[in-house]
Amino acid sequence: MMYDQSRAQQPPDTQPGSAGRRTPGPEPLLPSDERAKLAQRLQHALNTFADSPREALEEAETAFDEVTAQLMSTLAERRRVLHATWQDQEPDTQPDELRHALRQYREITQRLLRM
């Protein structure tokens, strides 16, 4: 198998020829443009380490801080929305509706545990 440089440089959630199509699965925790921008900043820090180690570490730390802040914000918003879907329901809410909320909690929690 030969190395495909153009494919290797694509973000992990992008498949060639999938313009406009979305693969089934969970929604990314960060938008792809933000992930790409932060990954590029981290790569820049790695590439400049030999010439300016301290500045490279500061840049890597800043990228890390931005990723964690965005993740925390995204997770807090998802929790707020998910909580609202079941907390404000009537006591006689159908179990299927509650089961859907439970599945969403399970999915996001399992994703976090796999990190």
Protein backbone atom coordinates (compact mmCIF):
# COMPACT_ATOMS: atom_id res chain seq x y z
CA MET A 1 0.00 0.00 0.00
CA MET A 2 1.40 3.41 -0.96
CA TYR A 3 1.35 6.50 1.24
CA ASP A 4 -1.23 9.04 0.07
CA GLN A 5 0.01 12.45 1.24
CA SER A 6 -3.10 14.40 0.19
CA ARG A 7 -5.36 12.00 2.09
CA ALA A 8 -3.08 12.07 5.13
CA GLN A 9 -3.40 15.86 5.31
CA GLN A 10 -7.20 15.81 5.41
CA PRO A 11 -8.92 16.22 8.77
CA PRO A 12 -9.84 12.82 10.26
CA ASP A 13 -13.60 13.28 9.74
CA THR A 14 -13.31 14.07 6.02
CA GLN A 15 -13.53 11.40 3.37
CA PRO A 16 -12.54 12.07 -0.24
CA GLY A 17 -15.54 12.65 -2.46
CA SER A 18 -17.94 13.14 0.43
CA ALA A 19 -18.72 16.78 -0.27
CA GLY A 20 -21.94 17.66 1.45
CA ARG A 21 -22.53 14.11 2.70
CA ARG A 22 -22.33 13.30 6.34
CA THR A 23 -21.30 9.95 7.68
CA PRO A 24 -23.52 8.47 10.37
CA GLY A 25 -22.23 8.79 13.88
CA PRO A 26 -22.00 11.25 16.70
CA GLU A 27 -21.64 14.93 16.04
CA PRO A 28 -18.07 16.19 16.58
CA LEU A 29 -17.43 17.96 19.86
CA LEU A 30 -15.68 20.79 18.01
CA PRO A 31 -16.45 22.11 14.53
CA SER A 32 -14.03 20.82 11.90
CA ASP A 33 -12.74 24.30 11.03
CA GLU A 34 -11.86 24.94 14.68
CA ARG A 35 -10.22 21.53 15.02
CA ALA A 36 -8.15 22.18 11.90
CA LYS A 37 -7.12 25.64 13.07
CA LEU A 38 -6.04 24.39 16.50
CA ALA A 39 -4.25 21.38 15.02
CA GLN A 40 -2.37 23.72 12.70
CA ARG A 41 -1.28 25.88 15.65
CA LEU A 42 -0.06 22.81 17.51
CA GLN A 43 1.83 21.63 14.43
CA HIS A 44 3.41 25.06 14.12
CA ALA A 45 4.59 24.81 17.73
CA LEU A 46 6.10 21.40 17.02
CA ASN A 47 7.82 22.66 13.88
CA THR A 48 9.35 25.71 15.59
CA PHE A 49 10.53 23.96 18.75
CA ALA A 50 14.13 23.51 17.56
CA ASP A 51 14.54 27.23 16.85
CA SER A 52 12.59 28.65 19.79
CA PRO A 53 11.61 26.01 22.36
CA ARG A 54 10.05 28.36 24.92
CA GLU A 55 7.85 30.12 22.37
CA ALA A 56 6.85 26.76 20.89
CA LEU A 57 5.81 25.52 24.33
CA GLU A 58 3.83 28.69 24.97
CA GLU A 59 2.04 28.27 21.64
CA ALA A 60 1.31 24.60 22.37
CA GLU A 61 -0.02 25.53 25.80
CA THR A 62 -2.27 28.21 24.33
CA ALA A 63 -3.65 25.76 21.77
CA PHE A 64 -4.28 23.24 24.56
CA ASP A 65 -6.04 25.89 26.67
CA GLU A 66 -8.27 26.86 23.74
CA VAL A 67 -9.19 23.25 23.02
CA THR A 68 -10.10 22.57 26.64
CA ALA A 69 -12.09 25.80 26.93
CA GLN A 70 -14.04 25.07 23.75
CA LEU A 71 -14.68 21.49 24.84
CA MET A 72 -15.94 22.63 28.24
CA SER A 73 -18.22 25.18 26.60
CA THR A 74 -19.56 22.63 24.11
CA LEU A 75 -20.13 20.00 26.79
CA ALA A 76 -21.88 22.50 29.09
CA GLU A 77 -24.21 23.53 26.27
CA ARG A 78 -24.98 19.93 25.31
CA ARG A 79 -25.70 19.13 28.94
CA ARG A 80 -28.01 22.14 29.25
CA VAL A 81 -29.96 21.18 26.11
CA LEU A 82 -30.14 17.51 27.03
CA HIS A 83 -31.21 18.27 30.59
CA ALA A 84 -33.99 20.50 29.29
CA THR A 85 -35.32 17.72 27.05
CA TRP A 86 -36.23 15.47 29.96
CA GLN A 87 -36.31 17.61 33.11
CA ASP A 88 -39.27 19.71 32.01
CA GLN A 89 -41.32 16.68 30.89
CA GLU A 90 -44.53 15.65 32.57
CA PRO A 91 -44.29 12.77 35.07
CA ASP A 92 -46.16 10.52 32.63
CA THR A 93 -43.64 11.06 29.81
CA GLN A 94 -43.27 8.03 27.60
CA PRO A 95 -40.32 5.79 28.50
CA ASP A 96 -39.10 5.93 24.88
CA GLU A 97 -38.54 9.68 25.15
CA LEU A 98 -36.63 9.24 28.40
CA ARG A 99 -34.67 6.33 26.92
CA HIS A 100 -33.55 8.59 24.08
CA ALA A 101 -32.16 11.10 26.60
CA LEU A 102 -30.41 8.29 28.45
CA ARG A 103 -28.81 7.09 25.20
CA GLN A 104 -27.51 10.57 24.54
CA TYR A 105 -25.97 10.78 28.02
CA ARG A 106 -24.44 7.34 27.53
CA GLU A 107 -22.99 8.21 24.12
CA ILE A 108 -21.32 11.44 25.19
CA THR A 109 -20.05 9.95 28.45
CA GLN A 110 -18.56 6.95 26.66
CA ARG A 111 -16.87 9.24 24.15
CA LEU A 112 -15.30 11.17 27.00
CA LEU A 113 -14.15 7.99 28.73
CA ARG A 114 -12.42 6.84 25.53
CA MET A 115 -10.32 10.02 25.39
